[in-house]
PDB file of N, CA and C in Angstrom:
ATOM      1  N   MET A   1     -78.381 111.423   6.000  1.00  0.00           N
ATOM      2  CA  MET A   1     -78.519 111.764   4.229  1.00  0.00           C
ATOM      3  C   MET A   1     -78.821 110.501   3.478  1.00  0.00           C
ATOM      4  N   SER A   2     -79.929 110.120   2.913  1.00  0.00           N
ATOM      5  CA  SER A   2     -80.408 109.067   2.067  1.00  0.00           C
ATOM      6  C   SER A   2     -79.503 108.644   0.963  1.00  0.00           C
ATOM      7  N   LYS A   3     -79.372 107.554   0.679  1.00  0.00           N
ATOM      8  CA  LYS A   3     -78.647 107.234  -0.217  1.00  0.00           C
ATOM      9  C   LYS A   3     -79.731 106.901  -1.686  1.00  0.00           C
ATOM     10  N   ALA A   4     -79.186 107.354  -2.752  1.00  0.00           N
ATOM     11  CA  ALA A   4     -80.146 106.977  -4.143  1.00  0.00           C
ATOM     12  C   ALA A   4     -80.251 105.527  -4.254  1.00  0.00           C
ATOM     13  N   ILE A   5     -81.223 105.319  -4.758  1.00  0.00           N
ATOM     14  CA  ILE A   5     -81.825 103.774  -4.895  1.00  0.00           C
ATOM     15  C   ILE A   5     -81.648 103.824  -6.400  1.00  0.00           C
ATOM     16  N   ALA A   6     -81.519 102.534  -6.839  1.00  0.00           N
ATOM     17  CA  ALA A   6     -81.478 102.269  -8.379  1.00  0.00           C
ATOM     18  C   ALA A   6     -82.163 100.933  -8.898  1.00  0.00           C
ATOM     19  N   VAL A   7     -82.791 100.675  -9.663  1.00  0.00           N
ATOM     20  CA  VAL A   7     -83.446  99.401  -9.898  1.00  0.00           C
ATOM     21  C   VAL A   7     -82.807  98.481 -10.829  1.00  0.00           C
ATOM     22  N   ALA A   8     -82.389  97.509 -10.350  1.00  0.00           N
ATOM     23  CA  ALA A   8     -81.939  96.454 -11.529  1.00  0.00           C
ATOM     24  C   ALA A   8     -82.854  95.230 -11.796  1.00  0.00           C
ATOM     25  N   SER A   9     -82.720  94.868 -12.948  1.00  0.00           N
ATOM     26  CA  SER A   9     -83.917  93.848 -13.600  1.00  0.00           C
ATOM     27  C   SER A   9     -83.370  92.800 -14.032  1.00  0.00           C
ATOM     28  N   ALA A  10     -83.856  91.502 -14.142  1.00  0.00           N
ATOM     29  CA  ALA A  10     -83.291  90.374 -14.733  1.00  0.00           C
ATOM     30  C   ALA A  10     -84.550  89.751 -15.384  1.00  0.00           C
ATOM     31  N   LYS A  11     -84.050  89.243 -16.532  1.00  0.00           N
ATOM     32  CA  LYS A  11     -85.073  88.282 -17.270  1.00  0.00           C
ATOM     33  C   LYS A  11     -84.668  86.625 -16.728  1.00  0.00           C
ATOM     34  N   MET A  12     -85.248  85.692 -16.190  1.00  0.00           N
ATOM     35  CA  MET A  12     -85.108  84.490 -15.904  1.00  0.00           C
ATOM     36  C   MET A  12     -86.277  83.585 -16.038  1.00  0.00           C
ATOM     37  N   ASP A  13     -85.890  82.214 -15.998  1.00  0.00           N
ATOM     38  CA  ASP A  13     -86.920  81.189 -16.017  1.00  0.00           C
ATOM     39  C   ASP A  13     -87.652  81.110 -14.910  1.00  0.00           C
ATOM     40  N   LYS A  14     -89.055  81.285 -15.307  1.00  0.00           N
ATOM     41  CA  LYS A  14     -90.176  81.471 -13.904  1.00  0.00           C
ATOM     42  C   LYS A  14     -89.895  80.606 -12.900  1.00  0.00           C
ATOM     43  N   ASP A  15     -89.691  79.149 -13.256  1.00  0.00           N
ATOM     44  CA  ASP A  15     -89.558  77.993 -11.951  1.00  0.00           C
ATOM     45  C   ASP A  15     -88.611  78.566 -11.464  1.00  0.00           C
ATOM     46  N   LEU A  16     -87.438  78.853 -12.191  1.00  0.00           N
ATOM     47  CA  LEU A  16     -86.200  79.085 -11.148  1.00  0.00           C
ATOM     48  C   LEU A  16     -86.320  80.473 -10.273  1.00  0.00           C
ATOM     49  N   LYS A  17     -86.950  81.340 -10.713  1.00  0.00           N
ATOM     50  CA  LYS A  17     -87.361  82.416  -9.986  1.00  0.00           C
ATOM     51  C   LYS A  17     -88.109  82.092  -8.582  1.00  0.00           C
ATOM     52  N   GLU A  18     -89.346  81.418  -9.012  1.00  0.00           N
ATOM     53  CA  GLU A  18     -90.306  81.025  -7.663  1.00  0.00           C
ATOM     54  C   GLU A  18     -89.668  80.181  -6.788  1.00  0.00           C
ATOM     55  N   ASN A  19     -88.951  79.187  -7.521  1.00  0.00           N
ATOM     56  CA  ASN A  19     -88.272  78.254  -6.406  1.00  0.00           C
ATOM     57  C   ASN A  19     -86.832  78.999  -5.551  1.00  0.00           C
ATOM     58  N   THR A  20     -86.404  79.693  -6.091  1.00  0.00           N
ATOM     59  CA  THR A  20     -85.229  80.735  -5.260  1.00  0.00           C
ATOM     60  C   THR A  20     -86.014  81.246  -4.624  1.00  0.00           C
ATOM     61  N   GLU A  21     -87.167  82.095  -4.696  1.00  0.00           N
ATOM     62  CA  GLU A  21     -87.665  82.905  -3.828  1.00  0.00           C
ATOM     63  C   GLU A  21     -88.178  82.161  -2.693  1.00  0.00           C
ATOM     64  N   ARG A  22     -88.541  80.860  -2.734  1.00  0.00           N
ATOM     65  CA  ARG A  22     -89.004  80.025  -1.611  1.00  0.00           C
ATOM     66  C   ARG A  22     -88.038  79.925  -1.045  1.00  0.00           C
ATOM     67  N   ILE A  23     -86.754  79.634  -1.400  1.00  0.00           N
ATOM     68  CA  ILE A  23     -85.888  79.533  -0.692  1.00  0.00           C
ATOM     69  C   ILE A  23     -85.263  80.672   0.264  1.00  0.00           C
ATOM     70  N   PHE A  24     -85.332  81.762  -0.459  1.00  0.00           N
ATOM     71  CA  PHE A  24     -84.751  83.190   0.361  1.00  0.00           C
ATOM     72  C   PHE A  24     -85.634  83.402   1.427  1.00  0.00           C
ATOM     73  N   LYS A  25     -87.179  83.001   1.141  1.00  0.00           N
ATOM     74  CA  LYS A  25     -88.206  83.467   2.287  1.00  0.00           C
ATOM     75  C   LYS A  25     -87.909  82.318   3.596  1.00  0.00           C
ATOM     76  N   SER A  26     -87.650  80.934   3.335  1.00  0.00           N
ATOM     77  CA  SER A  26     -87.113  80.391   4.304  1.00  0.00           C
ATOM     78  C   SER A  26     -85.744  80.699   5.184  1.00  0.00           C
ATOM     79  N   MET A  27     -85.099  81.609   4.479  1.00  0.00           N
ATOM     80  CA  MET A  27     -83.844  82.036   5.153  1.00  0.00           C
ATOM     81  C   MET A  27     -84.299  83.687   5.708  1.00  0.00           C
ATOM     82  N   GLY A  28     -85.399  83.952   5.467  1.00  0.00           N
ATOM     83  CA  GLY A  28     -85.869  85.376   5.986  1.00  0.00           C
ATOM     84  C   GLY A  28     -85.548  86.075   5.293  1.00  0.00           C
ATOM     85  N   LEU A  29     -85.091  85.848   4.046  1.00  0.00           N
ATOM     86  CA  LEU A  29     -84.748  87.005   3.208  1.00  0.00           C
ATOM     87  C   LEU A  29     -85.702  87.383   1.672  1.00  0.00           C
ATOM     88  N   THR A  30     -85.825  88.660   1.401  1.00  0.00           N
ATOM     89  CA  THR A  30     -86.515  88.939   0.303  1.00  0.00           C
ATOM     90  C   THR A  30     -85.648  88.771  -1.166  1.00  0.00           C
ATOM     91  N   ALA A  31     -86.240  88.739  -2.016  1.00  0.00           N
ATOM     92  CA  ALA A  31     -85.478  88.565  -3.073  1.00  0.00           C
ATOM     93  C   ALA A  31     -84.446  89.948  -3.378  1.00  0.00           C
ATOM     94  N   THR A  32     -85.085  91.137  -3.083  1.00  0.00           N
ATOM     95  CA  THR A  32     -84.086  92.206  -3.187  1.00  0.00           C
ATOM     96  C   THR A  32     -83.150  92.176  -2.088  1.00  0.00           C
ATOM     97  N   THR A  33     -83.422  91.784  -0.982  1.00  0.00           N
ATOM     98  CA  THR A  33     -82.205  91.640  -0.128  1.00  0.00           C
ATOM     99  C   THR A  33     -81.284  90.289  -0.527  1.00  0.00           C
ATOM    100  N   ALA A  34     -81.485  89.257  -1.195  1.00  0.00           N
ATOM    101  CA  ALA A  34     -80.554  88.589  -1.184  1.00  0.00           C
ATOM    102  C   ALA A  34     -79.511  88.727  -2.502  1.00  0.00           C
ATOM    103  N   ILE A  35     -80.459  89.504  -3.742  1.00  0.00           N
ATOM    104  CA  ILE A  35     -79.748  89.959  -4.671  1.00  0.00           C
ATOM    105  C   ILE A  35     -78.701  91.262  -4.242  1.00  0.00           C
ATOM    106  N   THR A  36     -79.022  92.031  -3.419  1.00  0.00           N
ATOM    107  CA  THR A  36     -78.239  93.085  -2.803  1.00  0.00           C
ATOM    108  C   THR A  36     -77.074  92.401  -1.942  1.00  0.00           C
ATOM    109  N   LEU A  37     -77.404  91.355  -1.294  1.00  0.00           N
ATOM    110  CA  LEU A  37     -76.056  90.800  -0.747  1.00  0.00           C
ATOM    111  C   LEU A  37     -75.220  90.121  -1.667  1.00  0.00           C
ATOM    112  N   PHE A  38     -75.411  89.506  -2.582  1.00  0.00           N
ATOM    113  CA  PHE A  38     -75.010  89.130  -3.712  1.00  0.00           C
ATOM    114  C   PHE A  38     -74.063  90.374  -4.410  1.00  0.00           C
ATOM    115  N   TYR A  39     -74.578  91.462  -4.880  1.00  0.00           N
ATOM    116  CA  TYR A  39     -74.064  92.684  -5.676  1.00  0.00           C
ATOM    117  C   TYR A  39     -72.829  93.375  -4.512  1.00  0.00           C
ATOM    118  N   LYS A  40     -73.110  93.166  -2.961  1.00  0.00           N
ATOM    119  CA  LYS A  40     -72.311  93.806  -2.007  1.00  0.00           C
ATOM    120  C   LYS A  40     -71.060  92.756  -2.182  1.00  0.00           C
ATOM    121  N   ALA A  41     -71.355  91.535  -2.077  1.00  0.00           N
ATOM    122  CA  ALA A  41     -69.943  90.442  -2.050  1.00  0.00           C
ATOM    123  C   ALA A  41     -69.324  90.771  -3.337  1.00  0.00           C
ATOM    124  N   VAL A  42     -69.757  91.066  -4.559  1.00  0.00           N
ATOM    125  CA  VAL A  42     -69.229  90.953  -5.792  1.00  0.00           C
ATOM    126  C   VAL A  42     -68.372  92.190  -5.655  1.00  0.00           C
ATOM    127  N   SER A  43     -69.036  93.432  -4.998  1.00  0.00           N
ATOM    128  CA  SER A  43     -68.266  94.525  -5.144  1.00  0.00           C
ATOM    129  C   SER A  43     -67.052  94.524  -4.071  1.00  0.00           C
ATOM    130  N   MET A  44     -67.641  93.804  -2.820  1.00  0.00           N
ATOM    131  CA  MET A  44     -66.416  93.882  -1.945  1.00  0.00           C
ATOM    132  C   MET A  44     -65.209  92.885  -2.531  1.00  0.00           C
ATOM    133  N   GLN A  45     -65.527  92.153  -2.880  1.00  0.00           N
ATOM    134  CA  GLN A  45     -64.517  90.578  -3.478  1.00  0.00           C
ATOM    135  C   GLN A  45     -63.731  90.831  -4.843  1.00  0.00           C
ATOM    136  N   ASN A  46     -64.456  91.977  -5.529  1.00  0.00           N
ATOM    137  CA  ASN A  46     -64.392  91.841  -6.669  1.00  0.00           C
ATOM    138  C   ASN A  46     -63.965  90.877  -7.640  1.00  0.00           C
ATOM    139  N   LYS A  47     -65.041  89.885  -7.456  1.00  0.00           N
ATOM    140  CA  LYS A  47     -65.043  88.485  -8.276  1.00  0.00           C
ATOM    141  C   LYS A  47     -66.690  87.944  -7.721  1.00  0.00           C
ATOM    142  N   ILE A  48     -66.915  87.136  -8.536  1.00  0.00           N
ATOM    143  CA  ILE A  48     -68.126  86.128  -8.114  1.00  0.00           C
ATOM    144  C   ILE A  48     -67.882  85.607  -6.925  1.00  0.00           C
ATOM    145  N   PRO A  49     -68.759  85.533  -5.751  1.00  0.00           N
ATOM    146  CA  PRO A  49     -68.315  85.100  -4.500  1.00  0.00           C
ATOM    147  C   PRO A  49     -68.583  83.795  -4.225  1.00  0.00           C
ATOM    148  N   PHE A  50     -68.349  82.871  -5.457  1.00  0.00           N
ATOM    149  CA  PHE A  50     -68.499  81.576  -5.570  1.00  0.00           C
ATOM    150  C   PHE A  50     -67.732  80.728  -6.770  1.00  0.00           C
ATOM    151  N   GLU A  51     -67.671  79.556  -6.695  1.00  0.00           N
ATOM    152  CA  GLU A  51     -66.913  79.001  -7.792  1.00  0.00           C
ATOM    153  C   GLU A  51     -68.017  78.624  -8.670  1.00  0.00           C
ATOM    154  N   ILE A  52     -67.736  78.960 -10.136  1.00  0.00           N
ATOM    155  CA  ILE A  52     -68.591  78.557 -11.266  1.00  0.00           C
ATOM    156  C   ILE A  52     -67.667  77.486 -11.953  1.00  0.00           C
ATOM    157  N   VAL A  53     -68.309  76.502 -12.188  1.00  0.00           N
ATOM    158  CA  VAL A  53     -67.930  75.166 -12.972  1.00  0.00           C
ATOM    159  C   VAL A  53     -68.563  74.747 -14.225  1.00  0.00           C
ATOM    160  N   GLY A  54     -67.953  74.657 -15.019  1.00  0.00           N
ATOM    161  CA  GLY A  54     -68.426  74.489 -16.466  1.00  0.00           C
ATOM    162  C   GLY A  54     -69.097  72.738 -16.548  1.00  0.00           C
ATOM    163  N   ASP A  55     -69.967  72.604 -17.431  1.00  0.00           N
ATOM    164  CA  ASP A  55     -70.650  71.165 -17.380  1.00  0.00           C
ATOM    165  C   ASP A  55     -69.334  70.308 -18.174  1.00  0.00           C
ATOM    166  N   PRO A  56     -69.078  69.259 -17.425  1.00  0.00           N
ATOM    167  CA  PRO A  56     -68.170  68.419 -18.257  1.00  0.00           C
ATOM    168  C   PRO A  56     -68.208  67.983 -19.504  1.00  0.00           C
ATOM    169  N   PHE A  57     -69.652  68.065 -20.020  1.00  0.00           N
ATOM    170  CA  PHE A  57     -70.195  67.252 -21.039  1.00  0.00           C
ATOM    171  C   PHE A  57     -69.315  68.455 -22.527  1.00  0.00           C
ATOM    172  N   TYR A  58     -69.187  69.546 -21.751  1.00  0.00           N
ATOM    173  CA  TYR A  58     -68.325  70.455 -23.034  1.00  0.00           C
ATOM    174  C   TYR A  58     -66.828  70.529 -22.649  1.00  0.00           C
ATOM    175  N   SER A  59     -66.158  69.549 -21.992  1.00  0.00           N
ATOM    176  CA  SER A  59     -65.026  69.632 -21.703  1.00  0.00           C
ATOM    177  C   SER A  59     -64.112  69.517 -23.300  1.00  0.00           C
ATOM    178  N   PRO A  60     -63.172  69.872 -23.377  1.00  0.00           N
ATOM    179  CA  PRO A  60     -62.372  69.623 -24.527  1.00  0.00           C
ATOM    180  C   PRO A  60     -62.000  68.075 -25.093  1.00  0.00           C
ATOM    181  N   GLU A  61     -61.973  67.320 -24.048  1.00  0.00           N
ATOM    182  CA  GLU A  61     -61.788  65.858 -24.156  1.00  0.00           C
ATOM    183  C   GLU A  61     -63.099  65.140 -24.937  1.00  0.00           C
ATOM    184  N   ASN A  62     -64.256  65.535 -24.104  1.00  0.00           N
ATOM    185  CA  ASN A  62     -65.632  65.097 -24.425  1.00  0.00           C
ATOM    186  C   ASN A  62     -65.720  65.407 -26.099  1.00  0.00           C
ATOM    187  N   LEU A  63     -65.855  66.754 -26.212  1.00  0.00           N
ATOM    188  CA  LEU A  63     -66.161  67.445 -27.488  1.00  0.00           C
ATOM    189  C   LEU A  63     -65.005  66.572 -28.515  1.00  0.00           C
ATOM    190  N   LYS A  64     -64.057  66.395 -28.474  1.00  0.00           N
ATOM    191  CA  LYS A  64     -63.234  65.818 -29.288  1.00  0.00           C
ATOM    192  C   LYS A  64     -63.841  64.210 -29.450  1.00  0.00           C
ATOM    193  N   ARG A  65     -64.316  63.505 -28.625  1.00  0.00           N
ATOM    194  CA  ARG A  65     -64.803  62.437 -28.699  1.00  0.00           C
ATOM    195  C   ARG A  65     -65.837  62.434 -29.546  1.00  0.00           C
ATOM    196  N   LEU A  66     -67.102  63.511 -29.158  1.00  0.00           N
ATOM    197  CA  LEU A  66     -68.024  63.466 -29.702  1.00  0.00           C
ATOM    198  C   LEU A  66     -67.877  63.760 -31.352  1.00  0.00           C
ATOM    199  N   ASP A  67     -67.207  64.794 -31.331  1.00  0.00           N
ATOM    200  CA  ASP A  67     -66.379  64.934 -32.815  1.00  0.00           C
ATOM    201  C   ASP A  67     -65.924  63.813 -33.512  1.00  0.00           C
ATOM    202  N   LYS A  68     -65.120  62.944 -32.920  1.00  0.00           N
ATOM    203  CA  LYS A  68     -64.707  61.647 -33.657  1.00  0.00           C
ATOM    204  C   LYS A  68     -66.117  60.719 -33.655  1.00  0.00           C
ATOM    205  N   ALA A  69     -67.093  60.666 -33.124  1.00  0.00           N
ATOM    206  CA  ALA A  69     -68.397  59.681 -33.012  1.00  0.00           C
ATOM    207  C   ALA A  69     -68.917  60.260 -34.207  1.00  0.00           C
ATOM    208  N   ILE A  70     -69.198  61.383 -34.183  1.00  0.00           N
ATOM    209  CA  ILE A  70     -70.073  61.980 -35.566  1.00  0.00           C
ATOM    210  C   ILE A  70     -69.623  61.891 -36.784  1.00  0.00           C
ATOM    211  N   LYS A  71     -68.089  61.938 -37.106  1.00  0.00           N
ATOM    212  CA  LYS A  71     -67.309  61.598 -38.047  1.00  0.00           C
ATOM    213  C   LYS A  71     -67.483  59.945 -38.353  1.00  0.00           C
ATOM    214  N   ASP A  72     -67.127  59.319 -37.445  1.00  0.00           N
ATOM    215  CA  ASP A  72     -66.968  57.712 -37.600  1.00  0.00           C
ATOM    216  C   ASP A  72     -68.715  57.213 -38.112  1.00  0.00           C
ATOM    217  N   ILE A  73     -69.746  58.025 -37.493  1.00  0.00           N
ATOM    218  CA  ILE A  73     -70.864  57.590 -37.857  1.00  0.00           C
ATOM    219  C   ILE A  73     -71.287  58.160 -39.521  1.00  0.00           C
ATOM    220  N   GLU A  74     -71.114  59.036 -39.803  1.00  0.00           N
ATOM    221  CA  GLU A  74     -71.023  59.865 -41.088  1.00  0.00           C
ATOM    222  C   GLU A  74     -70.356  58.981 -42.141  1.00  0.00           C
ATOM    223  N   GLU A  75     -69.344  58.160 -41.774  1.00  0.00           N
ATOM    224  CA  GLU A  75     -68.559  57.625 -42.644  1.00  0.00           C
ATOM    225  C   GLU A  75     -68.521  55.917 -42.603  1.00  0.00           C
ATOM    226  N   GLY A  76     -69.816  55.820 -41.911  1.00  0.00           N
ATOM    227  CA  GLY A  76     -70.351  54.097 -41.686  1.00  0.00           C
ATOM    228  C   GLY A  76     -69.393  53.316 -40.664  1.00  0.00           C
ATOM    229  N   ARG A  77     -68.443  54.138 -40.224  1.00  0.00           N
ATOM    230  CA  ARG A  77     -67.407  52.887 -39.390  1.00  0.00           C
ATOM    231  C   ARG A  77     -68.125  52.751 -37.731  1.00  0.00           C
ATOM    232  N   LEU A  78     -69.068  53.476 -37.401  1.00  0.00           N
ATOM    233  CA  LEU A  78     -69.740  53.549 -36.108  1.00  0.00           C
ATOM    234  C   LEU A  78     -71.628  53.560 -36.231  1.00  0.00           C
ATOM    235  N   THR A  79     -72.284  52.202 -35.932  1.00  0.00           N
ATOM    236  CA  THR A  79     -73.676  52.531 -35.863  1.00  0.00           C
ATOM    237  C   THR A  79     -74.495  52.355 -34.542  1.00  0.00           C
ATOM    238  N   LYS A  80     -73.651  51.984 -33.604  1.00  0.00           N
ATOM    239  CA  LYS A  80     -74.281  52.377 -32.276  1.00  0.00           C
ATOM    240  C   LYS A  80     -73.353  53.352 -31.213  1.00  0.00           C
ATOM    241  N   HIS A  81     -74.345  53.806 -30.221  1.00  0.00           N
ATOM    242  CA  HIS A  81     -73.204  54.537 -29.297  1.00  0.00           C
ATOM    243  C   HIS A  81     -72.694  53.649 -28.076  1.00  0.00           C
ATOM    244  N   GLU A  82     -71.342  54.059 -27.877  1.00  0.00           N
ATOM    245  CA  GLU A  82     -71.001  53.432 -26.564  1.00  0.00           C
ATOM    246  C   GLU A  82     -71.162  54.241 -25.390  1.00  0.00           C
ATOM    247  N   LEU A  83     -71.656  53.351 -24.068  1.00  0.00           N
ATOM    248  CA  LEU A  83     -72.030  53.935 -22.947  1.00  0.00           C
ATOM    249  C   LEU A  83     -70.377  54.128 -22.497  1.00  0.00           C
ATOM    250  N   ILE A  84     -70.348  55.119 -21.656  1.00  0.00           N
ATOM    251  CA  ILE A  84     -69.305  55.433 -21.180  1.00  0.00           C
ATOM    252  C   ILE A  84     -69.443  55.735 -19.463  1.00  0.00           C
ATOM    253  N   GLU A  85     -68.783  55.230 -18.730  1.00  0.00           N
ATOM    254  CA  GLU A  85     -68.820  55.279 -17.433  1.00  0.00           C
ATOM    255  C   GLU A  85     -68.058  56.662 -16.945  1.00  0.00           C
ATOM    256  N   VAL A  86     -68.501  57.408 -15.985  1.00  0.00           N
ATOM    257  CA  VAL A  86     -68.072  58.760 -15.762  1.00  0.00           C
ATOM    258  C   VAL A  86     -68.181  58.759 -14.127  1.00  0.00           C
ATOM    259  N   ASP A  87     -66.821  59.027 -13.649  1.00  0.00           N
ATOM    260  CA  ASP A  87     -66.809  58.912 -12.163  1.00  0.00           C
ATOM    261  C   ASP A  87     -67.327  60.379 -11.859  1.00  0.00           C
ATOM    262  N   ASP A  88     -68.219  60.454 -10.886  1.00  0.00           N
ATOM    263  CA  ASP A  88     -68.765  61.664 -10.274  1.00  0.00           C
ATOM    264  C   ASP A  88     -67.880  62.325  -9.371  1.00  0.00           C
ATOM    265  N   GLU A  89     -67.160  63.446  -9.246  1.00  0.00           N
ATOM    266  CA  GLU A  89     -66.202  63.647  -7.907  1.00  0.00           C
ATOM    267  C   GLU A  89     -66.996  64.627  -7.302  1.00  0.00           C
TER     268      GLU A  89
END
């Protein structure tokens, strides 16, 4: 007995799609196979099968610092930006 087939579509950046499909091809996969693998992993694990980490730029600490800098500039207490060294983990 055959399974019913459904179509999933997604809009994305053209360059992202093309680059990713080149990588799939180098692995011997089609986009359909790779996306099916992703869906199966999500279904089996009941979660995204990899860690998703936010951009540290949007961390609460950095946003607080940015808000303070904006306020300082608006009130004339700061006229130039300080460079901050960030450790890459």
